[in-house]
Structures are given as structure tokens and as C-alpha cells.
Amino acid sequence: MCGIAAVLNSERTDVKGLPALMRDLLVVTQVRGMDSTGMYQMKSDRDLISYKKAVDGSTFTQLPKANTMINHTGYAYATVAHCRKATTGGIKDLIAHPFMHETNDNVPDFGFVHNGTLDYW
């Protein structure tokens, strides 16, 4: 099983407590999967960033890049996090979530996370 958490923010203002909420969600959600953790943010139109590592949620929140993203939760339209329990594919940074789809100019069009296995994708 995997854990998925998200914060959607229509105001894009520094709502007090959103970074702490996202940090807590990453730690609590790790009970659903401790093999890898990742997140992506939509900061503005055509501005998606992501970060993922093959570590548990608690460790992930301590990594500098993850911590920066967590602290910007209030300024992003969307922050989506995923804690993975490996069922297939092993435990590697490459197959941690989120998955980002990029155009030819290496700009992400969209990112996604899922719970389960996508056969033949």
C-alpha cells in the first residue's frame, strides 16, 4: 500500500500552518509505505517542480530540497506527496513517486502519483 497526501491552495498566500501540516502529513503517511517518498508542487502555470528519494517520510522531511518545498506549501497552488510501499520494481529513486511527464523542452506538463500497480503503461 502507498500513502497519498495533498494540499490545494487557491489563495497562494502563506497560510499559517501549511508547512507544518505538510510535514506532518509526510510523517504520518509513511505508515502506508516507508520505501520511498516524494512530492511535487504546482507553483504557477507551467511551473511544476518535484523531488523524490528512496527514503521514509521522516527522513525525507529532513532533506534540504524537500524542506524547501515543504516550507513553500503555502505559496503553491498544489502540493502532492506520496509515500511508497514497494510491491514491484524494487526500491530506487527512479521509481519513487511522483512521476513527471515532460515535453520536448524538458518542462514538466504534469505529475502524478498512484496507489497500486500500473501494468503495461
C-alpha atoms as a PDB file:
ATOM      1  CA  MET A   1       0.000   0.000   0.000  1.00  0.00           C
ATOM      2  CA  CYS A   2       1.025   3.597  -0.517  1.00  0.00           C
ATOM      3  CA  GLY A   3       0.060   6.849   1.128  1.00  0.00           C
ATOM      4  CA  ILE A   4      -1.004   9.974  -0.730  1.00  0.00           C
ATOM      5  CA  ALA A   5      -1.477  13.454   0.747  1.00  0.00           C
ATOM      6  CA  ALA A   6      -2.175  16.804  -0.898  1.00  0.00           C
ATOM      7  CA  VAL A   7      -2.711  20.456  -0.075  1.00  0.00           C
ATOM      8  CA  LEU A   8      -4.575  22.598  -2.613  1.00  0.00           C
ATOM      9  CA  ASN A   9      -4.357  26.347  -2.125  1.00  0.00           C
ATOM     10  CA  SER A  10      -6.429  28.731  -4.236  1.00  0.00           C
ATOM     11  CA  GLU A  11      -5.098  31.837  -2.493  1.00  0.00           C
ATOM     12  CA  ARG A  12      -1.365  31.138  -2.860  1.00  0.00           C
ATOM     13  CA  THR A  13      -0.671  33.051   0.309  1.00  0.00           C
ATOM     14  CA  ASP A  14       1.417  31.980   3.241  1.00  0.00           C
ATOM     15  CA  VAL A  15      -1.391  30.400   5.210  1.00  0.00           C
ATOM     16  CA  LYS A  16      -0.011  29.875   8.691  1.00  0.00           C
ATOM     17  CA  GLY A  17       0.481  26.230   9.452  1.00  0.00           C
ATOM     18  CA  LEU A  18       0.505  24.775   5.918  1.00  0.00           C
ATOM     19  CA  PRO A  19       4.216  23.835   6.005  1.00  0.00           C
ATOM     20  CA  ALA A  20       3.728  22.149   9.390  1.00  0.00           C
ATOM     21  CA  LEU A  21       0.643  20.356   8.057  1.00  0.00           C
ATOM     22  CA  MET A  22       2.536  19.047   5.002  1.00  0.00           C
ATOM     23  CA  ARG A  23       5.462  17.941   7.167  1.00  0.00           C
ATOM     24  CA  ASP A  24       3.077  16.100   9.499  1.00  0.00           C
ATOM     25  CA  LEU A  25       1.258  14.506   6.543  1.00  0.00           C
ATOM     26  CA  LEU A  26       4.544  13.154   5.180  1.00  0.00           C
ATOM     27  CA  VAL A  27       5.477  11.661   8.550  1.00  0.00           C
ATOM     28  CA  VAL A  28       2.033  10.210   9.312  1.00  0.00           C
ATOM     29  CA  THR A  29       1.506   8.891   5.778  1.00  0.00           C
ATOM     30  CA  GLN A  30       4.736   6.899   5.921  1.00  0.00           C
ATOM     31  CA  VAL A  31       2.883   4.164   7.832  1.00  0.00           C
ATOM     32  CA  ARG A  32       1.399   3.311   4.407  1.00  0.00           C
ATOM     33  CA  GLY A  33       4.849   2.982   2.832  1.00  0.00           C
ATOM     34  CA  MET A  34       8.398   3.552   4.034  1.00  0.00           C
ATOM     35  CA  ASP A  35      10.337   2.564   0.908  1.00  0.00           C
ATOM     36  CA  SER A  36      10.377   5.943  -0.845  1.00  0.00           C
ATOM     37  CA  THR A  37       8.891   9.408  -0.546  1.00  0.00           C
ATOM     38  CA  GLY A  38       8.361  12.248  -2.971  1.00  0.00           C
ATOM     39  CA  MET A  39       6.357  15.340  -3.717  1.00  0.00           C
ATOM     40  CA  TYR A  40       5.584  17.824  -6.445  1.00  0.00           C
ATOM     41  CA  GLN A  41       4.298  21.360  -6.440  1.00  0.00           C
ATOM     42  CA  MET A  42       2.499  23.498  -8.949  1.00  0.00           C
ATOM     43  CA  LYS A  43       3.789  26.962  -8.218  1.00  0.00           C
ATOM     44  CA  SER A  44       2.233  28.708 -11.236  1.00  0.00           C
ATOM     45  CA  ASP A  45       1.153  27.986 -14.765  1.00  0.00           C
ATOM     46  CA  ARG A  46       3.842  25.794 -16.379  1.00  0.00           C
ATOM     47  CA  ASP A  47       5.909  25.759 -13.195  1.00  0.00           C
ATOM     48  CA  LEU A  48       5.977  22.242 -11.742  1.00  0.00           C
ATOM     49  CA  ILE A  49       8.788  21.077  -9.513  1.00  0.00           C
ATOM     50  CA  SER A  50       9.334  17.668  -7.972  1.00  0.00           C
ATOM     51  CA  TYR A  51      11.671  15.803  -5.682  1.00  0.00           C
ATOM     52  CA  LYS A  52      11.782  12.142  -4.672  1.00  0.00           C
ATOM     53  CA  LYS A  53      14.102   9.807  -2.791  1.00  0.00           C
ATOM     54  CA  ALA A  54      14.144   6.176  -1.714  1.00  0.00           C
ATOM     55  CA  VAL A  55      13.801   7.076   1.985  1.00  0.00           C
ATOM     56  CA  ASP A  56      10.983   7.081   4.550  1.00  0.00           C
ATOM     57  CA  GLY A  57       8.843  10.169   5.100  1.00  0.00           C
ATOM     58  CA  SER A  58      10.573  11.238   8.305  1.00  0.00           C
ATOM     59  CA  THR A  59      13.985  11.181   6.658  1.00  0.00           C
ATOM     60  CA  PHE A  60      12.597  12.899   3.556  1.00  0.00           C
ATOM     61  CA  THR A  61      11.366  15.904   5.578  1.00  0.00           C
ATOM     62  CA  GLN A  62      14.939  16.477   6.782  1.00  0.00           C
ATOM     63  CA  LEU A  63      16.471  16.659   3.290  1.00  0.00           C
ATOM     64  CA  PRO A  64      17.272  20.265   2.278  1.00  0.00           C
ATOM     65  CA  LYS A  65      15.397  20.256  -1.067  1.00  0.00           C
ATOM     66  CA  ALA A  66      12.332  18.572   0.475  1.00  0.00           C
ATOM     67  CA  ASN A  67      12.406  21.006   3.386  1.00  0.00           C
ATOM     68  CA  THR A  68      12.448  23.965   0.979  1.00  0.00           C
ATOM     69  CA  MET A  69       9.439  22.587  -0.899  1.00  0.00           C
ATOM     70  CA  ILE A  70       7.577  21.890   2.352  1.00  0.00           C
ATOM     71  CA  ASN A  71       8.223  25.456   3.512  1.00  0.00           C
ATOM     72  CA  HIS A  72       6.715  26.765   0.240  1.00  0.00           C
ATOM     73  CA  THR A  73       3.483  24.779   0.579  1.00  0.00           C
ATOM     74  CA  GLY A  74       1.532  27.968   1.274  1.00  0.00           C
ATOM     75  CA  TYR A  75       2.759  29.625  -1.917  1.00  0.00           C
ATOM     76  CA  ALA A  76       1.967  26.747  -4.280  1.00  0.00           C
ATOM     77  CA  TYR A  77      -1.384  26.058  -5.935  1.00  0.00           C
ATOM     78  CA  ALA A  78      -0.924  22.374  -5.191  1.00  0.00           C
ATOM     79  CA  THR A  79       1.473  20.234  -3.197  1.00  0.00           C
ATOM     80  CA  VAL A  80       1.112  16.475  -3.647  1.00  0.00           C
ATOM     81  CA  ALA A  81       3.091  13.955  -1.605  1.00  0.00           C
ATOM     82  CA  HIS A  82       3.462  10.192  -1.871  1.00  0.00           C
ATOM     83  CA  CYS A  83       4.944   7.582   0.459  1.00  0.00           C
ATOM     84  CA  ARG A  84       5.576   4.281  -1.343  1.00  0.00           C
ATOM     85  CA  LYS A  85       5.437   0.695  -0.207  1.00  0.00           C
ATOM     86  CA  ALA A  86       7.379  -1.233  -2.851  1.00  0.00           C
ATOM     87  CA  THR A  87       5.339  -4.073  -4.313  1.00  0.00           C
ATOM     88  CA  THR A  88       7.140  -4.345  -7.664  1.00  0.00           C
ATOM     89  CA  GLY A  89      10.210  -2.737  -9.162  1.00  0.00           C
ATOM     90  CA  GLY A  90      12.393  -2.609  -6.070  1.00  0.00           C
ATOM     91  CA  ILE A  91      13.416   0.409  -4.048  1.00  0.00           C
ATOM     92  CA  LYS A  92      15.110   3.088  -6.147  1.00  0.00           C
ATOM     93  CA  ASP A  93      14.942   6.857  -6.508  1.00  0.00           C
ATOM     94  CA  LEU A  94      13.979   6.404 -10.166  1.00  0.00           C
ATOM     95  CA  ILE A  95      10.720   4.573  -9.439  1.00  0.00           C
ATOM     96  CA  ALA A  96       9.730   6.620  -6.416  1.00  0.00           C
ATOM     97  CA  HIS A  97       6.712   8.860  -6.961  1.00  0.00           C
ATOM     98  CA  PRO A  98       5.831  11.373  -8.288  1.00  0.00           C
ATOM     99  CA  PHE A  99       6.182  10.613 -11.961  1.00  0.00           C
ATOM    100  CA  MET A 100       6.584  13.682 -14.114  1.00  0.00           C
ATOM    101  CA  HIS A 101       5.749  13.910 -17.814  1.00  0.00           C
ATOM    102  CA  GLU A 102       7.985  16.314 -19.684  1.00  0.00           C
ATOM    103  CA  THR A 103       7.665  17.887 -23.114  1.00  0.00           C
ATOM    104  CA  ASN A 104      10.477  18.046 -25.630  1.00  0.00           C
ATOM    105  CA  ASP A 105      11.806  21.196 -23.954  1.00  0.00           C
ATOM    106  CA  ASN A 106      12.223  19.308 -20.629  1.00  0.00           C
ATOM    107  CA  VAL A 107       9.437  21.288 -18.970  1.00  0.00           C
ATOM    108  CA  PRO A 108       7.039  19.118 -16.941  1.00  0.00           C
ATOM    109  CA  ASP A 109       3.476  19.117 -18.302  1.00  0.00           C
ATOM    110  CA  PHE A 110       2.007  17.163 -15.409  1.00  0.00           C
ATOM    111  CA  GLY A 111       2.892  14.981 -12.470  1.00  0.00           C
ATOM    112  CA  PHE A 112       1.039  12.096 -10.911  1.00  0.00           C
ATOM    113  CA  VAL A 113       1.079   9.612  -8.075  1.00  0.00           C
ATOM    114  CA  HIS A 114      -0.965   6.451  -7.700  1.00  0.00           C
ATOM    115  CA  ASN A 115      -1.693   3.605  -5.337  1.00  0.00           C
ATOM    116  CA  GLY A 116      -1.219   0.184  -6.846  1.00  0.00           C
ATOM    117  CA  THR A 117       0.466  -1.159  -9.955  1.00  0.00           C
ATOM    118  CA  LEU A 118       0.097   0.160 -13.489  1.00  0.00           C
ATOM    119  CA  ASP A 119       0.705  -2.835 -15.743  1.00  0.00           C
ATOM    120  CA  TYR A 120       1.663  -2.246 -19.367  1.00  0.00           C
ATOM    121  CA  TRP A 121       1.781   1.536 -19.061  1.00  0.00           C
END
